[in-house]
Amino acid sequence: MEVINIKDVTQRYKKVNILGDVNLSIEQGDMLGVIGQSGSGKTTLL
């Protein structure tokens, strides 16, 4: 069963693309880790 489904999400901050065309699908029971450099949009995604 799909519990989270994100399609074509884009987020900008002061004319800078923070997230571009993000697609994500998480099924019940899945585990997810989000890693990346500081300022790469991890918190924005969540």
PDB file of N, CA and C in Angstrom:
ATOM      1  N   MET A   1       0.827  -1.174   0.000  1.00  0.00           N
ATOM      2  CA  MET A   1       0.000   0.000   0.000  1.00  0.00           C
ATOM      3  C   MET A   1       0.883   1.252   0.000  1.00  0.00           C
ATOM      4  N   GLU A   2       0.619   2.157  -0.906  1.00  0.00           N
ATOM      5  CA  GLU A   2       1.378   3.400  -1.029  1.00  0.00           C
ATOM      6  C   GLU A   2       0.911   4.387   0.040  1.00  0.00           C
ATOM      7  N   VAL A   3       1.854   4.869   0.877  1.00  0.00           N
ATOM      8  CA  VAL A   3       1.480   5.800   1.938  1.00  0.00           C
ATOM      9  C   VAL A   3       1.895   7.235   1.632  1.00  0.00           C
ATOM     10  N   ILE A   4       2.909   7.405   0.788  1.00  0.00           N
ATOM     11  CA  ILE A   4       3.332   8.735   0.337  1.00  0.00           C
ATOM     12  C   ILE A   4       3.604   8.663  -1.154  1.00  0.00           C
ATOM     13  N   ASN A   5       3.074   9.626  -1.875  1.00  0.00           N
ATOM     14  CA  ASN A   5       3.308   9.702  -3.313  1.00  0.00           C
ATOM     15  C   ASN A   5       3.498  11.170  -3.685  1.00  0.00           C
ATOM     16  N   ILE A   6       4.677  11.505  -4.158  1.00  0.00           N
ATOM     17  CA  ILE A   6       5.011  12.871  -4.560  1.00  0.00           C
ATOM     18  C   ILE A   6       5.313  12.840  -6.048  1.00  0.00           C
ATOM     19  N   LYS A   7       4.692  13.739  -6.810  1.00  0.00           N
ATOM     20  CA  LYS A   7       4.910  13.768  -8.259  1.00  0.00           C
ATOM     21  C   LYS A   7       5.240  15.182  -8.732  1.00  0.00           C
ATOM     22  N   ASP A   8       6.346  15.299  -9.458  1.00  0.00           N
ATOM     23  CA  ASP A   8       6.737  16.541 -10.134  1.00  0.00           C
ATOM     24  C   ASP A   8       6.755  17.757  -9.211  1.00  0.00           C
ATOM     25  N   VAL A   9       7.334  17.617  -8.015  1.00  0.00           N
ATOM     26  CA  VAL A   9       7.406  18.726  -7.062  1.00  0.00           C
ATOM     27  C   VAL A   9       8.627  19.589  -7.367  1.00  0.00           C
ATOM     28  N   THR A  10       8.395  20.884  -7.470  1.00  0.00           N
ATOM     29  CA  THR A  10       9.470  21.850  -7.670  1.00  0.00           C
ATOM     30  C   THR A  10       9.324  22.934  -6.615  1.00  0.00           C
ATOM     31  N   GLN A  11      10.430  23.328  -5.991  1.00  0.00           N
ATOM     32  CA  GLN A  11      10.415  24.389  -4.985  1.00  0.00           C
ATOM     33  C   GLN A  11      11.526  25.372  -5.306  1.00  0.00           C
ATOM     34  N   ARG A  12      11.201  26.651  -5.274  1.00  0.00           N
ATOM     35  CA  ARG A  12      12.197  27.700  -5.516  1.00  0.00           C
ATOM     36  C   ARG A  12      12.259  28.623  -4.312  1.00  0.00           C
ATOM     37  N   TYR A  13      13.432  29.191  -4.102  1.00  0.00           N
ATOM     38  CA  TYR A  13      13.641  30.174  -3.051  1.00  0.00           C
ATOM     39  C   TYR A  13      14.493  31.285  -3.629  1.00  0.00           C
ATOM     40  N   LYS A  14      13.950  32.484  -3.677  1.00  0.00           N
ATOM     41  CA  LYS A  14      14.650  33.643  -4.252  1.00  0.00           C
ATOM     42  C   LYS A  14      15.197  33.336  -5.642  1.00  0.00           C
ATOM     43  N   LYS A  15      14.344  32.803  -6.503  1.00  0.00           N
ATOM     44  CA  LYS A  15      14.659  32.494  -7.902  1.00  0.00           C
ATOM     45  C   LYS A  15      15.687  31.377  -8.081  1.00  0.00           C
ATOM     46  N   VAL A  16      15.996  30.654  -7.017  1.00  0.00           N
ATOM     47  CA  VAL A  16      16.931  29.524  -7.098  1.00  0.00           C
ATOM     48  C   VAL A  16      16.132  28.237  -6.917  1.00  0.00           C
ATOM     49  N   ASN A  17      16.305  27.283  -7.843  1.00  0.00           N
ATOM     50  CA  ASN A  17      15.643  25.985  -7.714  1.00  0.00           C
ATOM     51  C   ASN A  17      16.246  25.224  -6.539  1.00  0.00           C
ATOM     52  N   ILE A  18      15.419  24.915  -5.553  1.00  0.00           N
ATOM     53  CA  ILE A  18      15.862  24.104  -4.416  1.00  0.00           C
ATOM     54  C   ILE A  18      15.577  22.632  -4.701  1.00  0.00           C
ATOM     55  N   LEU A  19      14.392  22.361  -5.228  1.00  0.00           N
ATOM     56  CA  LEU A  19      14.007  21.019  -5.661  1.00  0.00           C
ATOM     57  C   LEU A  19      13.484  21.131  -7.083  1.00  0.00           C
ATOM     58  N   GLY A  20      13.828  20.176  -7.930  1.00  0.00           N
ATOM     59  CA  GLY A  20      13.369  20.224  -9.315  1.00  0.00           C
ATOM     60  C   GLY A  20      12.764  18.917  -9.777  1.00  0.00           C
ATOM     61  N   ASP A  21      11.459  18.936 -10.063  1.00  0.00           N
ATOM     62  CA  ASP A  21      10.745  17.774 -10.601  1.00  0.00           C
ATOM     63  C   ASP A  21      11.003  16.497  -9.800  1.00  0.00           C
ATOM     64  N   VAL A  22      10.813  16.576  -8.496  1.00  0.00           N
ATOM     65  CA  VAL A  22      11.031  15.428  -7.606  1.00  0.00           C
ATOM     66  C   VAL A  22       9.840  14.480  -7.674  1.00  0.00           C
ATOM     67  N   ASN A  23      10.130  13.195  -7.800  1.00  0.00           N
ATOM     68  CA  ASN A  23       9.122  12.135  -7.764  1.00  0.00           C
ATOM     69  C   ASN A  23       9.550  11.125  -6.706  1.00  0.00           C
ATOM     70  N   LEU A  24       8.601  10.738  -5.850  1.00  0.00           N
ATOM     71  CA  LEU A  24       8.920   9.830  -4.757  1.00  0.00           C
ATOM     72  C   LEU A  24       7.678   9.032  -4.388  1.00  0.00           C
ATOM     73  N   SER A  25       7.853   7.743  -4.233  1.00  0.00           N
ATOM     74  CA  SER A  25       6.757   6.879  -3.813  1.00  0.00           C
ATOM     75  C   SER A  25       7.265   5.992  -2.682  1.00  0.00           C
ATOM     76  N   ILE A  26       6.546   5.983  -1.569  1.00  0.00           N
ATOM     77  CA  ILE A  26       6.938   5.181  -0.414  1.00  0.00           C
ATOM     78  C   ILE A  26       5.793   4.239  -0.064  1.00  0.00           C
ATOM     79  N   GLU A  27       6.129   2.971   0.023  1.00  0.00           N
ATOM     80  CA  GLU A  27       5.148   1.943   0.367  1.00  0.00           C
ATOM     81  C   GLU A  27       5.151   1.719   1.878  1.00  0.00           C
ATOM     82  N   GLN A  28       4.043   1.227   2.407  1.00  0.00           N
ATOM     83  CA  GLN A  28       3.949   0.910   3.825  1.00  0.00           C
ATOM     84  C   GLN A  28       5.052  -0.078   4.187  1.00  0.00           C
ATOM     85  N   GLY A  29       5.779   0.208   5.262  1.00  0.00           N
ATOM     86  CA  GLY A  29       6.859  -0.656   5.718  1.00  0.00           C
ATOM     87  C   GLY A  29       8.222  -0.283   5.163  1.00  0.00           C
ATOM     88  N   ASP A  30       8.272   0.595   4.149  1.00  0.00           N
ATOM     89  CA  ASP A  30       9.548   1.051   3.590  1.00  0.00           C
ATOM     90  C   ASP A  30      10.265   1.958   4.584  1.00  0.00           C
ATOM     91  N   MET A  31      11.584   1.992   4.482  1.00  0.00           N
ATOM     92  CA  MET A  31      12.395   2.927   5.252  1.00  0.00           C
ATOM     93  C   MET A  31      13.045   3.879   4.262  1.00  0.00           C
ATOM     94  N   LEU A  32      13.198   5.129   4.664  1.00  0.00           N
ATOM     95  CA  LEU A  32      13.750   6.146   3.781  1.00  0.00           C
ATOM     96  C   LEU A  32      14.838   6.913   4.504  1.00  0.00           C
ATOM     97  N   GLY A  33      15.954   7.095   3.851  1.00  0.00           N
ATOM     98  CA  GLY A  33      17.019   7.948   4.354  1.00  0.00           C
ATOM     99  C   GLY A  33      17.261   9.052   3.342  1.00  0.00           C
ATOM    100  N   VAL A  34      17.381  10.273   3.823  1.00  0.00           N
ATOM    101  CA  VAL A  34      17.640  11.413   2.940  1.00  0.00           C
ATOM    102  C   VAL A  34      18.998  11.977   3.318  1.00  0.00           C
ATOM    103  N   ILE A  35      19.943  11.911   2.379  1.00  0.00           N
ATOM    104  CA  ILE A  35      21.288  12.413   2.643  1.00  0.00           C
ATOM    105  C   ILE A  35      21.663  13.435   1.581  1.00  0.00           C
ATOM    106  N   GLY A  36      22.551  14.328   1.949  1.00  0.00           N
ATOM    107  CA  GLY A  36      23.014  15.331   0.996  1.00  0.00           C
ATOM    108  C   GLY A  36      23.773  16.428   1.714  1.00  0.00           C
ATOM    109  N   GLN A  37      24.377  17.278   0.938  1.00  0.00           N
ATOM    110  CA  GLN A  37      25.154  18.383   1.481  1.00  0.00           C
ATOM    111  C   GLN A  37      24.245  19.394   2.161  1.00  0.00           C
ATOM    112  N   SER A  38      24.830  20.187   3.023  1.00  0.00           N
ATOM    113  CA  SER A  38      24.106  21.269   3.670  1.00  0.00           C
ATOM    114  C   SER A  38      23.540  22.203   2.609  1.00  0.00           C
ATOM    115  N   GLY A  39      22.264  22.533   2.746  1.00  0.00           N
ATOM    116  CA  GLY A  39      21.629  23.438   1.794  1.00  0.00           C
ATOM    117  C   GLY A  39      21.130  22.782   0.529  1.00  0.00           C
ATOM    118  N   SER A  40      21.129  21.450   0.482  1.00  0.00           N
ATOM    119  CA  SER A  40      20.736  20.763  -0.754  1.00  0.00           C
ATOM    120  C   SER A  40      19.233  20.508  -0.871  1.00  0.00           C
ATOM    121  N   GLY A  41      18.433  20.862   0.165  1.00  0.00           N
ATOM    122  CA  GLY A  41      16.984  20.729   0.077  1.00  0.00           C
ATOM    123  C   GLY A  41      16.382  19.555   0.821  1.00  0.00           C
ATOM    124  N   LYS A  42      17.147  18.926   1.705  1.00  0.00           N
ATOM    125  CA  LYS A  42      16.628  17.763   2.444  1.00  0.00           C
ATOM    126  C   LYS A  42      15.414  18.138   3.287  1.00  0.00           C
ATOM    127  N   THR A  43      15.530  19.177   4.084  1.00  0.00           N
ATOM    128  CA  THR A  43      14.429  19.600   4.945  1.00  0.00           C
ATOM    129  C   THR A  43      13.260  20.104   4.121  1.00  0.00           C
ATOM    130  N   THR A  44      13.533  20.804   3.049  1.00  0.00           N
ATOM    131  CA  THR A  44      12.471  21.287   2.160  1.00  0.00           C
ATOM    132  C   THR A  44      11.681  20.116   1.604  1.00  0.00           C
ATOM    133  N   LEU A  45      12.352  19.050   1.239  1.00  0.00           N
ATOM    134  CA  LEU A  45      11.674  17.864   0.723  1.00  0.00           C
ATOM    135  C   LEU A  45      10.748  17.263   1.770  1.00  0.00           C
ATOM    136  N   LEU A  46      11.253  17.154   3.003  1.00  0.00           N
ATOM    137  CA  LEU A  46      10.443  16.557   4.072  1.00  0.00           C
ATOM    138  C   LEU A  46       9.323  17.471   4.482  1.00  0.00           C
TER     139      LEU A  46
END
